[in-house]
Amino acid sequence: MKMIILSVSLLATCICQAQSKKDQQLEEARKAIIASNAIYSDLANKGDGSILTRYTDDACLLPPNSAPVCGRDNILNFFKNGPKVHSNFIIQHIYGEGNDFVTEESNYELFDLNHNKLDEGKVMVIWKKTAAGWKMHRDMFSSNRAPQQ
């Protein structure tokens, strides 16, 4: 009987430690994502390639009503040719184990450079842990507003 109690106690301890490590890894990922999101617009608006520091080398954007935009040159062109905006991201959930990949589910708001609201919508990003930290690997977004006719 003592062996069973000891085995159950050890198992419970291992489960708690694993859960604690997972929580710690997800919190680490969340902090990195918040920091990255905070400077995202500034980097995108520069048009000098700075935005690429947020993405993996083999990243893809998945914009609405468009084919995927993959590769560093294509992603850079996407931002160079797009409007200059400020963004605000509100994280709803971070999913995953926190080891190699996590998924961010967020809402966004876009503002022009005069702080007029242009759009709002949702974002789903798969983040990949790299030697240089957490980077966006797949970035999907769409407006909550109906398409203009």
C-alpha atoms as a PDB file:
ATOM      1  CA  MET A   1       0.000   0.000   0.000  1.00  0.00           C
ATOM      2  CA  LYS A   2       2.852   2.386   0.818  1.00  0.00           C
ATOM      3  CA  MET A   3       4.336   1.705  -2.634  1.00  0.00           C
ATOM      4  CA  ILE A   4       1.076   2.677  -4.327  1.00  0.00           C
ATOM      5  CA  ILE A   5       0.797   5.881  -2.311  1.00  0.00           C
ATOM      6  CA  LEU A   6       4.434   6.723  -3.020  1.00  0.00           C
ATOM      7  CA  SER A   7       3.972   6.045  -6.757  1.00  0.00           C
ATOM      8  CA  VAL A   8       0.848   8.207  -6.949  1.00  0.00           C
ATOM      9  CA  SER A   9       2.611  10.975  -5.017  1.00  0.00           C
ATOM     10  CA  LEU A  10       5.623  10.891  -7.361  1.00  0.00           C
ATOM     11  CA  LEU A  11       3.357  10.914 -10.417  1.00  0.00           C
ATOM     12  CA  ALA A  12       1.418  13.900  -9.087  1.00  0.00           C
ATOM     13  CA  THR A  13       4.677  15.744  -8.404  1.00  0.00           C
ATOM     14  CA  CYS A  14       5.930  15.081 -11.943  1.00  0.00           C
ATOM     15  CA  ILE A  15       2.644  16.262 -13.453  1.00  0.00           C
ATOM     16  CA  CYS A  16       2.723  19.465 -11.381  1.00  0.00           C
ATOM     17  CA  GLN A  17       6.321  20.174 -12.368  1.00  0.00           C
ATOM     18  CA  ALA A  18       5.543  19.568 -16.061  1.00  0.00           C
ATOM     19  CA  GLN A  19       2.520  21.873 -15.863  1.00  0.00           C
ATOM     20  CA  SER A  20       4.598  24.515 -14.088  1.00  0.00           C
ATOM     21  CA  LYS A  21       7.284  24.325 -16.799  1.00  0.00           C
ATOM     22  CA  LYS A  22       4.638  24.593 -19.534  1.00  0.00           C
ATOM     23  CA  ASP A  23       3.086  27.627 -17.814  1.00  0.00           C
ATOM     24  CA  GLN A  24       6.517  29.238 -17.500  1.00  0.00           C
ATOM     25  CA  GLN A  25       7.319  28.599 -21.184  1.00  0.00           C
ATOM     26  CA  LEU A  26       3.951  30.012 -22.303  1.00  0.00           C
ATOM     27  CA  GLU A  27       4.474  33.081 -20.126  1.00  0.00           C
ATOM     28  CA  GLU A  28       7.922  33.571 -21.666  1.00  0.00           C
ATOM     29  CA  ALA A  29       6.389  33.305 -25.156  1.00  0.00           C
ATOM     30  CA  ARG A  30       3.568  35.720 -24.215  1.00  0.00           C
ATOM     31  CA  LYS A  31       6.076  38.343 -23.028  1.00  0.00           C
ATOM     32  CA  ALA A  32       8.082  38.026 -26.254  1.00  0.00           C
ATOM     33  CA  ILE A  33       4.916  38.316 -28.368  1.00  0.00           C
ATOM     34  CA  ILE A  34       3.722  41.395 -26.477  1.00  0.00           C
ATOM     35  CA  ALA A  35       7.132  43.035 -26.955  1.00  0.00           C
ATOM     36  CA  SER A  36       7.190  42.183 -30.658  1.00  0.00           C
ATOM     37  CA  ASN A  37       3.628  43.402 -31.225  1.00  0.00           C
ATOM     38  CA  ALA A  38       4.446  46.708 -29.487  1.00  0.00           C
ATOM     39  CA  ILE A  39       7.048  47.659 -32.123  1.00  0.00           C
ATOM     40  CA  TYR A  40       5.464  45.948 -35.135  1.00  0.00           C
ATOM     41  CA  SER A  41       3.974  49.060 -36.796  1.00  0.00           C
ATOM     42  CA  ASP A  42       7.074  51.152 -36.273  1.00  0.00           C
ATOM     43  CA  LEU A  43       9.213  48.520 -37.986  1.00  0.00           C
ATOM     44  CA  ALA A  44       6.715  47.987 -40.818  1.00  0.00           C
ATOM     45  CA  ASN A  45       6.431  51.725 -41.456  1.00  0.00           C
ATOM     46  CA  LYS A  46      10.196  52.173 -41.827  1.00  0.00           C
ATOM     47  CA  GLY A  47      10.171  50.254 -45.114  1.00  0.00           C
ATOM     48  CA  ASP A  48      13.846  49.390 -44.635  1.00  0.00           C
ATOM     49  CA  GLY A  49      13.493  45.691 -43.923  1.00  0.00           C
ATOM     50  CA  SER A  50      13.305  46.088 -40.135  1.00  0.00           C
ATOM     51  CA  ILE A  51       9.959  44.279 -40.085  1.00  0.00           C
ATOM     52  CA  LEU A  52      11.715  41.121 -41.268  1.00  0.00           C
ATOM     53  CA  THR A  53      13.332  40.816 -37.819  1.00  0.00           C
ATOM     54  CA  ARG A  54       9.882  39.796 -36.529  1.00  0.00           C
ATOM     55  CA  TYR A  55       9.548  36.873 -38.998  1.00  0.00           C
ATOM     56  CA  THR A  56      11.296  33.541 -39.570  1.00  0.00           C
ATOM     57  CA  ASP A  57      13.324  33.223 -42.771  1.00  0.00           C
ATOM     58  CA  ASP A  58      10.637  30.943 -44.244  1.00  0.00           C
ATOM     59  CA  ALA A  59       7.624  32.905 -42.985  1.00  0.00           C
ATOM     60  CA  CYS A  60       4.368  33.451 -44.861  1.00  0.00           C
ATOM     61  CA  LEU A  61       1.722  36.134 -44.533  1.00  0.00           C
ATOM     62  CA  LEU A  62      -1.805  34.915 -45.194  1.00  0.00           C
ATOM     63  CA  PRO A  63      -3.745  38.105 -45.987  1.00  0.00           C
ATOM     64  CA  PRO A  64      -7.468  38.086 -46.773  1.00  0.00           C
ATOM     65  CA  ASN A  65      -8.618  37.868 -50.392  1.00  0.00           C
ATOM     66  CA  SER A  66      -5.077  37.220 -51.555  1.00  0.00           C
ATOM     67  CA  ALA A  67      -2.587  34.470 -52.235  1.00  0.00           C
ATOM     68  CA  PRO A  68      -0.043  33.709 -49.497  1.00  0.00           C
ATOM     69  CA  VAL A  69       2.935  36.060 -49.338  1.00  0.00           C
ATOM     70  CA  CYS A  70       6.007  33.936 -48.607  1.00  0.00           C
ATOM     71  CA  GLY A  71       9.699  34.699 -48.404  1.00  0.00           C
ATOM     72  CA  ARG A  72      11.622  37.699 -47.143  1.00  0.00           C
ATOM     73  CA  ASP A  73      11.546  39.739 -50.375  1.00  0.00           C
ATOM     74  CA  ASN A  74       7.801  39.246 -50.869  1.00  0.00           C
ATOM     75  CA  ILE A  75       7.004  40.078 -47.247  1.00  0.00           C
ATOM     76  CA  LEU A  76       9.141  43.208 -47.426  1.00  0.00           C
ATOM     77  CA  ASN A  77       7.367  44.295 -50.638  1.00  0.00           C
ATOM     78  CA  PHE A  78       3.994  43.677 -48.975  1.00  0.00           C
ATOM     79  CA  PHE A  79       4.860  46.165 -46.230  1.00  0.00           C
ATOM     80  CA  LYS A  80       6.650  48.671 -48.488  1.00  0.00           C
ATOM     81  CA  ASN A  81       3.629  48.843 -50.802  1.00  0.00           C
ATOM     82  CA  GLY A  82       1.031  48.935 -48.025  1.00  0.00           C
ATOM     83  CA  PRO A  83      -0.356  51.914 -46.156  1.00  0.00           C
ATOM     84  CA  LYS A  84       1.528  53.413 -43.235  1.00  0.00           C
ATOM     85  CA  VAL A  85      -0.522  52.595 -40.141  1.00  0.00           C
ATOM     86  CA  HIS A  86      -0.294  52.175 -36.400  1.00  0.00           C
ATOM     87  CA  SER A  87      -1.579  48.928 -34.964  1.00  0.00           C
ATOM     88  CA  ASN A  88      -2.808  47.821 -31.590  1.00  0.00           C
ATOM     89  CA  PHE A  89      -2.927  44.103 -30.790  1.00  0.00           C
ATOM     90  CA  ILE A  90      -5.043  42.676 -27.979  1.00  0.00           C
ATOM     91  CA  ILE A  91      -4.045  39.096 -27.208  1.00  0.00           C
ATOM     92  CA  GLN A  92      -7.018  36.839 -26.551  1.00  0.00           C
ATOM     93  CA  HIS A  93      -5.213  33.501 -26.161  1.00  0.00           C
ATOM     94  CA  ILE A  94      -1.804  31.890 -26.485  1.00  0.00           C
ATOM     95  CA  TYR A  95      -1.972  28.159 -27.237  1.00  0.00           C
ATOM     96  CA  GLY A  96       0.696  25.474 -27.232  1.00  0.00           C
ATOM     97  CA  GLU A  97       3.375  23.904 -25.104  1.00  0.00           C
ATOM     98  CA  GLY A  98       5.830  26.782 -25.397  1.00  0.00           C
ATOM     99  CA  ASN A  99       8.679  24.574 -26.614  1.00  0.00           C
ATOM    100  CA  ASP A 100       9.030  25.205 -30.346  1.00  0.00           C
ATOM    101  CA  PHE A 101       5.722  26.723 -31.489  1.00  0.00           C
ATOM    102  CA  VAL A 102       2.850  28.675 -29.979  1.00  0.00           C
ATOM    103  CA  THR A 103      -0.262  30.126 -31.568  1.00  0.00           C
ATOM    104  CA  GLU A 104      -1.389  33.666 -30.844  1.00  0.00           C
ATOM    105  CA  GLU A 105      -5.056  34.581 -31.240  1.00  0.00           C
ATOM    106  CA  SER A 106      -5.510  38.356 -31.087  1.00  0.00           C
ATOM    107  CA  ASN A 107      -7.714  41.221 -32.106  1.00  0.00           C
ATOM    108  CA  TYR A 108      -6.237  44.215 -33.883  1.00  0.00           C
ATOM    109  CA  GLU A 109      -7.065  47.847 -34.490  1.00  0.00           C
ATOM    110  CA  LEU A 110      -5.456  49.880 -37.274  1.00  0.00           C
ATOM    111  CA  PHE A 111      -5.094  53.654 -37.180  1.00  0.00           C
ATOM    112  CA  ASP A 112      -3.759  56.078 -39.778  1.00  0.00           C
ATOM    113  CA  LEU A 113      -0.854  58.316 -38.841  1.00  0.00           C
ATOM    114  CA  ASN A 114      -3.347  60.928 -37.552  1.00  0.00           C
ATOM    115  CA  HIS A 115      -4.831  58.317 -35.153  1.00  0.00           C
ATOM    116  CA  ASN A 116      -8.082  57.889 -37.103  1.00  0.00           C
ATOM    117  CA  LYS A 117      -9.364  54.321 -36.821  1.00  0.00           C
ATOM    118  CA  LEU A 118      -9.178  52.531 -40.170  1.00  0.00           C
ATOM    119  CA  ASP A 119     -10.009  48.935 -39.368  1.00  0.00           C
ATOM    120  CA  GLU A 120     -10.405  46.258 -36.745  1.00  0.00           C
ATOM    121  CA  GLY A 121     -10.176  42.515 -37.035  1.00  0.00           C
ATOM    122  CA  LYS A 122      -8.524  39.349 -35.877  1.00  0.00           C
ATOM    123  CA  VAL A 123      -5.092  37.782 -36.159  1.00  0.00           C
ATOM    124  CA  MET A 124      -3.886  34.215 -35.878  1.00  0.00           C
ATOM    125  CA  VAL A 125      -0.095  33.875 -35.739  1.00  0.00           C
ATOM    126  CA  ILE A 126       1.995  30.757 -35.430  1.00  0.00           C
ATOM    127  CA  TRP A 127       5.169  31.753 -33.594  1.00  0.00           C
ATOM    128  CA  LYS A 128       8.336  29.686 -33.883  1.00  0.00           C
ATOM    129  CA  LYS A 129      11.097  29.666 -31.280  1.00  0.00           C
ATOM    130  CA  THR A 130      14.408  30.294 -33.026  1.00  0.00           C
ATOM    131  CA  ALA A 131      17.966  30.849 -31.855  1.00  0.00           C
ATOM    132  CA  ALA A 132      17.167  34.584 -32.066  1.00  0.00           C
ATOM    133  CA  GLY A 133      13.956  34.270 -30.031  1.00  0.00           C
ATOM    134  CA  TRP A 134      10.268  33.971 -30.897  1.00  0.00           C
ATOM    135  CA  LYS A 135       9.517  34.864 -34.540  1.00  0.00           C
ATOM    136  CA  MET A 136       6.312  34.894 -36.590  1.00  0.00           C
ATOM    137  CA  HIS A 137       6.175  31.880 -38.875  1.00  0.00           C
ATOM    138  CA  ARG A 138       2.628  32.152 -40.257  1.00  0.00           C
ATOM    139  CA  ASP A 139       0.655  35.382 -39.958  1.00  0.00           C
ATOM    140  CA  MET A 140      -3.051  35.329 -40.880  1.00  0.00           C
ATOM    141  CA  PHE A 141      -5.343  38.317 -40.452  1.00  0.00           C
ATOM    142  CA  SER A 142      -8.736  39.558 -41.603  1.00  0.00           C
ATOM    143  CA  SER A 143     -11.019  42.508 -41.020  1.00  0.00           C
ATOM    144  CA  ASN A 144     -14.221  42.331 -39.021  1.00  0.00           C
ATOM    145  CA  ARG A 145     -15.747  44.818 -41.440  1.00  0.00           C
ATOM    146  CA  ALA A 146     -17.755  43.813 -44.467  1.00  0.00           C
ATOM    147  CA  PRO A 147     -15.913  44.123 -47.780  1.00  0.00           C
ATOM    148  CA  GLN A 148     -16.547  47.386 -49.597  1.00  0.00           C
ATOM    149  CA  GLN A 149     -18.382  46.995 -52.875  1.00  0.00           C
END
